[in-house]
Amino acid sequence: MEYYNYIKSLHLIFVITWFAGLFYIPRLFVYQIEAFHKPSPDKEILGKQLKLMAKRLWNIITWPSAILATGFAIWLLILQPVWLQQPWMHVKLSFVVLLIIYHLKTHQFYKQLQNDVVKKTSNFMRLWNEGATFILFAVVFLVILKSAFNWIFGVLGIFILGVLLMLGFKVYKNIRNKNPEA
């Protein structure tokens, strides 16, 4: 069991890099969608570069991190199956399932944009970008508090965070409408 903390450390490292990818890829999607609507040659030049950046981020950082974080998590649960008897862990694993669904849906958006299929707006992607943030908040509160009851306060905090993010989104949109270079 002395290697448990090494496995836990690797799990946390890959969770962090997974989230880094999930935080940044929708931002690249925003830029790809906006570039798609630009005139030539900007559309082609920007589109090619942004596709390459998204491809490298998604395939070299985000997917491997997701797989490794999940693998180390399973290993930790095998070493400490008692965690599976804790109610907070059930809630946490529910959020992990949501994270995996979010990741897979993001992969669909990635594939569409790599094929020049633009079905969503840049504003939608700006909002989509916040999905991983909500999941991260929920999981961190659950892991730190280790309480199925106290996580309710964390979820309330997530709701407040969501309201603040939406307000920030609207303020920033107004600023961008007045100054497109902002």
C-alpha atoms as a PDB file:
ATOM      1  CA  MET A   1       0.000   0.000   0.000  1.00  0.00           C
ATOM      2  CA  GLU A   2       2.960   2.334   0.189  1.00  0.00           C
ATOM      3  CA  TYR A   3       2.530   3.060  -3.532  1.00  0.00           C
ATOM      4  CA  TYR A   4      -1.102   4.185  -3.004  1.00  0.00           C
ATOM      5  CA  ASN A   5      -0.093   7.862  -2.760  1.00  0.00           C
ATOM      6  CA  TYR A   6       1.927   7.577  -5.988  1.00  0.00           C
ATOM      7  CA  ILE A   7      -1.135   6.263  -7.795  1.00  0.00           C
ATOM      8  CA  LYS A   8      -3.285   8.963  -6.194  1.00  0.00           C
ATOM      9  CA  SER A   9      -0.778  11.619  -7.306  1.00  0.00           C
ATOM     10  CA  LEU A  10      -0.793  10.315 -10.871  1.00  0.00           C
ATOM     11  CA  HIS A  11      -4.586  10.260 -10.821  1.00  0.00           C
ATOM     12  CA  LEU A  12      -4.687  13.914  -9.731  1.00  0.00           C
ATOM     13  CA  ILE A  13      -2.082  14.965 -12.309  1.00  0.00           C
ATOM     14  CA  PHE A  14      -4.078  13.409 -15.125  1.00  0.00           C
ATOM     15  CA  VAL A  15      -7.368  14.823 -13.804  1.00  0.00           C
ATOM     16  CA  ILE A  16      -5.750  18.273 -13.937  1.00  0.00           C
ATOM     17  CA  THR A  17      -4.457  17.801 -17.482  1.00  0.00           C
ATOM     18  CA  TRP A  18      -7.806  16.336 -18.552  1.00  0.00           C
ATOM     19  CA  PHE A  19      -9.615  19.390 -17.247  1.00  0.00           C
ATOM     20  CA  ALA A  20      -7.032  21.672 -18.854  1.00  0.00           C
ATOM     21  CA  GLY A  21      -7.949  20.130 -22.195  1.00  0.00           C
ATOM     22  CA  LEU A  22     -11.679  20.334 -21.467  1.00  0.00           C
ATOM     23  CA  PHE A  23     -11.340  23.990 -20.486  1.00  0.00           C
ATOM     24  CA  TYR A  24      -9.382  24.971 -23.580  1.00  0.00           C
ATOM     25  CA  ILE A  25     -10.925  22.920 -26.400  1.00  0.00           C
ATOM     26  CA  PRO A  26     -14.306  24.735 -26.398  1.00  0.00           C
ATOM     27  CA  ARG A  27     -12.349  28.010 -26.566  1.00  0.00           C
ATOM     28  CA  LEU A  28     -10.690  26.723 -29.728  1.00  0.00           C
ATOM     29  CA  PHE A  29     -14.153  25.759 -30.994  1.00  0.00           C
ATOM     30  CA  VAL A  30     -15.286  29.377 -30.479  1.00  0.00           C
ATOM     31  CA  TYR A  31     -12.387  30.594 -32.604  1.00  0.00           C
ATOM     32  CA  GLN A  32     -12.940  27.886 -35.233  1.00  0.00           C
ATOM     33  CA  ILE A  33     -16.610  28.810 -35.585  1.00  0.00           C
ATOM     34  CA  GLU A  34     -15.796  32.513 -35.825  1.00  0.00           C
ATOM     35  CA  ALA A  35     -13.036  31.820 -38.365  1.00  0.00           C
ATOM     36  CA  PHE A  36     -15.462  29.737 -40.428  1.00  0.00           C
ATOM     37  CA  HIS A  37     -17.557  32.862 -41.020  1.00  0.00           C
ATOM     38  CA  LYS A  38     -14.637  35.069 -42.073  1.00  0.00           C
ATOM     39  CA  PRO A  39     -13.890  35.863 -45.712  1.00  0.00           C
ATOM     40  CA  SER A  40     -11.102  34.156 -47.656  1.00  0.00           C
ATOM     41  CA  PRO A  41      -8.150  33.831 -47.182  1.00  0.00           C
ATOM     42  CA  ASP A  42      -8.586  34.401 -43.423  1.00  0.00           C
ATOM     43  CA  LYS A  43     -11.132  31.589 -43.210  1.00  0.00           C
ATOM     44  CA  GLU A  44      -8.753  29.015 -44.692  1.00  0.00           C
ATOM     45  CA  ILE A  45      -5.612  30.177 -42.889  1.00  0.00           C
ATOM     46  CA  LEU A  46      -7.228  30.450 -39.467  1.00  0.00           C
ATOM     47  CA  GLY A  47      -9.323  27.327 -39.977  1.00  0.00           C
ATOM     48  CA  LYS A  48      -6.284  25.208 -40.805  1.00  0.00           C
ATOM     49  CA  GLN A  49      -4.264  26.471 -37.831  1.00  0.00           C
ATOM     50  CA  LEU A  50      -7.140  26.143 -35.345  1.00  0.00           C
ATOM     51  CA  LYS A  51      -7.917  22.601 -36.538  1.00  0.00           C
ATOM     52  CA  LEU A  52      -4.291  21.636 -35.996  1.00  0.00           C
ATOM     53  CA  MET A  53      -4.272  23.177 -32.506  1.00  0.00           C
ATOM     54  CA  ALA A  54      -7.533  21.401 -31.597  1.00  0.00           C
ATOM     55  CA  LYS A  55      -6.258  18.098 -32.995  1.00  0.00           C
ATOM     56  CA  ARG A  56      -3.056  18.235 -30.960  1.00  0.00           C
ATOM     57  CA  LEU A  57      -4.818  19.326 -27.776  1.00  0.00           C
ATOM     58  CA  TRP A  58      -7.567  16.731 -28.089  1.00  0.00           C
ATOM     59  CA  ASN A  59      -5.503  13.741 -29.199  1.00  0.00           C
ATOM     60  CA  ILE A  60      -2.201  14.344 -27.396  1.00  0.00           C
ATOM     61  CA  ILE A  61      -3.385  15.843 -24.095  1.00  0.00           C
ATOM     62  CA  THR A  62      -7.118  15.534 -23.439  1.00  0.00           C
ATOM     63  CA  TRP A  63      -7.933  11.965 -24.509  1.00  0.00           C
ATOM     64  CA  PRO A  64      -4.795  10.375 -23.016  1.00  0.00           C
ATOM     65  CA  SER A  65      -5.358  12.317 -19.782  1.00  0.00           C
ATOM     66  CA  ALA A  66      -8.980  11.149 -19.600  1.00  0.00           C
ATOM     67  CA  ILE A  67      -7.940   7.531 -20.084  1.00  0.00           C
ATOM     68  CA  LEU A  68      -5.074   7.707 -17.585  1.00  0.00           C
ATOM     69  CA  ALA A  69      -7.119   9.591 -14.949  1.00  0.00           C
ATOM     70  CA  THR A  70      -9.854   6.971 -15.254  1.00  0.00           C
ATOM     71  CA  GLY A  71      -7.384   4.092 -15.157  1.00  0.00           C
ATOM     72  CA  PHE A  72      -5.658   5.385 -12.027  1.00  0.00           C
ATOM     73  CA  ALA A  73      -9.058   6.048 -10.417  1.00  0.00           C
ATOM     74  CA  ILE A  74     -10.116   2.451 -11.007  1.00  0.00           C
ATOM     75  CA  TRP A  75      -6.790   1.267  -9.596  1.00  0.00           C
ATOM     76  CA  LEU A  76      -7.358   3.404  -6.471  1.00  0.00           C
ATOM     77  CA  LEU A  77     -10.837   1.937  -6.018  1.00  0.00           C
ATOM     78  CA  ILE A  78      -9.446  -1.576  -6.361  1.00  0.00           C
ATOM     79  CA  LEU A  79      -6.891  -0.777  -3.658  1.00  0.00           C
ATOM     80  CA  GLN A  80      -9.482   0.935  -1.430  1.00  0.00           C
ATOM     81  CA  PRO A  81     -12.884  -0.649  -2.185  1.00  0.00           C
ATOM     82  CA  VAL A  82     -14.208   0.781   1.097  1.00  0.00           C
ATOM     83  CA  TRP A  83     -14.607   4.125  -0.725  1.00  0.00           C
ATOM     84  CA  LEU A  84     -17.413   2.544  -2.750  1.00  0.00           C
ATOM     85  CA  GLN A  85     -19.445   2.154   0.444  1.00  0.00           C
ATOM     86  CA  GLN A  86     -19.407   5.905   1.098  1.00  0.00           C
ATOM     87  CA  PRO A  87     -22.484   7.901  -0.010  1.00  0.00           C
ATOM     88  CA  TRP A  88     -20.367  10.889  -1.096  1.00  0.00           C
ATOM     89  CA  MET A  89     -18.437   8.597  -3.445  1.00  0.00           C
ATOM     90  CA  HIS A  90     -21.683   7.544  -5.145  1.00  0.00           C
ATOM     91  CA  VAL A  91     -22.501  11.204  -5.781  1.00  0.00           C
ATOM     92  CA  LYS A  92     -18.934  11.870  -6.954  1.00  0.00           C
ATOM     93  CA  LEU A  93     -19.059   8.944  -9.372  1.00  0.00           C
ATOM     94  CA  SER A  94     -22.351  10.331 -10.730  1.00  0.00           C
ATOM     95  CA  PHE A  95     -20.541  13.567 -11.522  1.00  0.00           C
ATOM     96  CA  VAL A  96     -17.708  11.570 -13.095  1.00  0.00           C
ATOM     97  CA  VAL A  97     -20.277   9.902 -15.369  1.00  0.00           C
ATOM     98  CA  LEU A  98     -21.519  13.409 -16.291  1.00  0.00           C
ATOM     99  CA  LEU A  99     -17.913  14.403 -17.000  1.00  0.00           C
ATOM    100  CA  ILE A 100     -17.463  11.430 -19.318  1.00  0.00           C
ATOM    101  CA  ILE A 101     -20.715  12.312 -21.118  1.00  0.00           C
ATOM    102  CA  TYR A 102     -19.511  15.926 -21.400  1.00  0.00           C
ATOM    103  CA  HIS A 103     -16.192  14.683 -22.801  1.00  0.00           C
ATOM    104  CA  LEU A 104     -17.907  12.441 -25.376  1.00  0.00           C
ATOM    105  CA  LYS A 105     -20.275  15.232 -26.470  1.00  0.00           C
ATOM    106  CA  THR A 106     -17.280  17.551 -26.788  1.00  0.00           C
ATOM    107  CA  HIS A 107     -15.674  14.882 -28.962  1.00  0.00           C
ATOM    108  CA  GLN A 108     -18.706  15.031 -31.269  1.00  0.00           C
ATOM    109  CA  PHE A 109     -18.268  18.804 -31.590  1.00  0.00           C
ATOM    110  CA  TYR A 110     -14.546  18.253 -32.247  1.00  0.00           C
ATOM    111  CA  LYS A 111     -15.239  15.769 -35.059  1.00  0.00           C
ATOM    112  CA  GLN A 112     -17.812  18.077 -36.653  1.00  0.00           C
ATOM    113  CA  LEU A 113     -15.471  21.071 -36.639  1.00  0.00           C
ATOM    114  CA  GLN A 114     -12.558  19.004 -37.947  1.00  0.00           C
ATOM    115  CA  ASN A 115     -14.838  18.214 -40.924  1.00  0.00           C
ATOM    116  CA  ASP A 116     -15.901  21.867 -41.361  1.00  0.00           C
ATOM    117  CA  VAL A 117     -19.410  21.122 -40.115  1.00  0.00           C
ATOM    118  CA  VAL A 118     -20.563  24.085 -38.043  1.00  0.00           C
ATOM    119  CA  LYS A 119     -23.808  23.287 -36.224  1.00  0.00           C
ATOM    120  CA  LYS A 120     -23.352  25.437 -33.120  1.00  0.00           C
ATOM    121  CA  THR A 121     -22.741  29.126 -32.597  1.00  0.00           C
ATOM    122  CA  SER A 122     -19.696  30.606 -30.929  1.00  0.00           C
ATOM    123  CA  ASN A 123     -21.998  31.810 -28.130  1.00  0.00           C
ATOM    124  CA  PHE A 124     -23.185  28.243 -27.561  1.00  0.00           C
ATOM    125  CA  MET A 125     -19.554  27.116 -27.269  1.00  0.00           C
ATOM    126  CA  ARG A 126     -18.819  29.887 -24.790  1.00  0.00           C
ATOM    127  CA  LEU A 127     -21.601  28.510 -22.614  1.00  0.00           C
ATOM    128  CA  TRP A 128     -20.582  24.896 -23.253  1.00  0.00           C
ATOM    129  CA  ASN A 129     -17.131  25.829 -21.983  1.00  0.00           C
ATOM    130  CA  GLU A 130     -18.599  26.248 -18.476  1.00  0.00           C
ATOM    131  CA  GLY A 131     -19.869  22.648 -18.223  1.00  0.00           C
ATOM    132  CA  ALA A 132     -16.524  21.266 -17.094  1.00  0.00           C
ATOM    133  CA  THR A 133     -16.263  24.059 -14.511  1.00  0.00           C
ATOM    134  CA  PHE A 134     -19.508  23.011 -12.845  1.00  0.00           C
ATOM    135  CA  ILE A 135     -18.453  19.380 -12.710  1.00  0.00           C
ATOM    136  CA  LEU A 136     -15.036  20.298 -11.330  1.00  0.00           C
ATOM    137  CA  PHE A 137     -16.577  22.365  -8.519  1.00  0.00           C
ATOM    138  CA  ALA A 138     -18.945  19.548  -7.574  1.00  0.00           C
ATOM    139  CA  VAL A 139     -16.242  16.872  -7.533  1.00  0.00           C
ATOM    140  CA  VAL A 140     -13.735  18.954  -5.577  1.00  0.00           C
ATOM    141  CA  PHE A 141     -16.314  19.833  -2.903  1.00  0.00           C
ATOM    142  CA  LEU A 142     -17.336  16.196  -2.616  1.00  0.00           C
ATOM    143  CA  VAL A 143     -13.779  14.910  -2.333  1.00  0.00           C
ATOM    144  CA  ILE A 144     -12.717  17.532   0.203  1.00  0.00           C
ATOM    145  CA  LEU A 145     -15.873  17.515   2.338  1.00  0.00           C
ATOM    146  CA  LYS A 146     -16.514  13.764   2.005  1.00  0.00           C
ATOM    147  CA  SER A 147     -20.120  14.251   2.947  1.00  0.00           C
ATOM    148  CA  ALA A 148     -23.213  13.422   0.969  1.00  0.00           C
ATOM    149  CA  PHE A 149     -25.081  16.140   2.886  1.00  0.00           C
ATOM    150  CA  ASN A 150     -22.523  18.958   2.788  1.00  0.00           C
ATOM    151  CA  TRP A 151     -22.162  18.638  -0.960  1.00  0.00           C
ATOM    152  CA  ILE A 152     -25.591  20.301  -1.171  1.00  0.00           C
ATOM    153  CA  PHE A 153     -23.907  23.531  -0.092  1.00  0.00           C
ATOM    154  CA  GLY A 154     -21.346  22.965  -2.821  1.00  0.00           C
ATOM    155  CA  VAL A 155     -24.111  22.502  -5.385  1.00  0.00           C
ATOM    156  CA  LEU A 156     -25.760  25.687  -4.131  1.00  0.00           C
ATOM    157  CA  GLY A 157     -22.384  27.347  -4.670  1.00  0.00           C
ATOM    158  CA  ILE A 158     -22.270  25.885  -8.176  1.00  0.00           C
ATOM    159  CA  PHE A 159     -25.706  27.352  -8.885  1.00  0.00           C
ATOM    160  CA  ILE A 160     -24.545  30.765  -7.658  1.00  0.00           C
ATOM    161  CA  LEU A 161     -21.388  30.356  -9.755  1.00  0.00           C
ATOM    162  CA  GLY A 162     -23.593  29.562 -12.766  1.00  0.00           C
ATOM    163  CA  VAL A 163     -25.642  32.713 -12.256  1.00  0.00           C
ATOM    164  CA  LEU A 164     -22.456  34.780 -11.939  1.00  0.00           C
ATOM    165  CA  LEU A 165     -20.985  33.174 -15.065  1.00  0.00           C
ATOM    166  CA  MET A 166     -24.146  33.905 -17.027  1.00  0.00           C
ATOM    167  CA  LEU A 167     -24.085  37.520 -15.872  1.00  0.00           C
ATOM    168  CA  GLY A 168     -20.406  37.744 -16.792  1.00  0.00           C
ATOM    169  CA  PHE A 169     -21.169  36.195 -20.176  1.00  0.00           C
ATOM    170  CA  LYS A 170     -23.859  38.813 -20.864  1.00  0.00           C
ATOM    171  CA  VAL A 171     -21.619  41.686 -19.749  1.00  0.00           C
ATOM    172  CA  TYR A 172     -18.761  40.434 -21.921  1.00  0.00           C
ATOM    173  CA  LYS A 173     -21.113  39.983 -24.880  1.00  0.00           C
ATOM    174  CA  ASN A 174     -22.232  43.606 -24.513  1.00  0.00           C
ATOM    175  CA  ILE A 175     -18.608  44.732 -24.355  1.00  0.00           C
ATOM    176  CA  ARG A 176     -17.774  42.709 -27.499  1.00  0.00           C
ATOM    177  CA  ASN A 177     -20.783  44.173 -29.316  1.00  0.00           C
ATOM    178  CA  LYS A 178     -19.492  47.674 -28.585  1.00  0.00           C
ATOM    179  CA  ASN A 179     -15.856  46.768 -29.283  1.00  0.00           C
ATOM    180  CA  PRO A 180     -15.271  43.612 -31.387  1.00  0.00           C
ATOM    181  CA  GLU A 181     -11.553  43.721 -30.540  1.00  0.00           C
ATOM    182  CA  ALA A 182     -12.211  43.328 -26.773  1.00  0.00           C
END
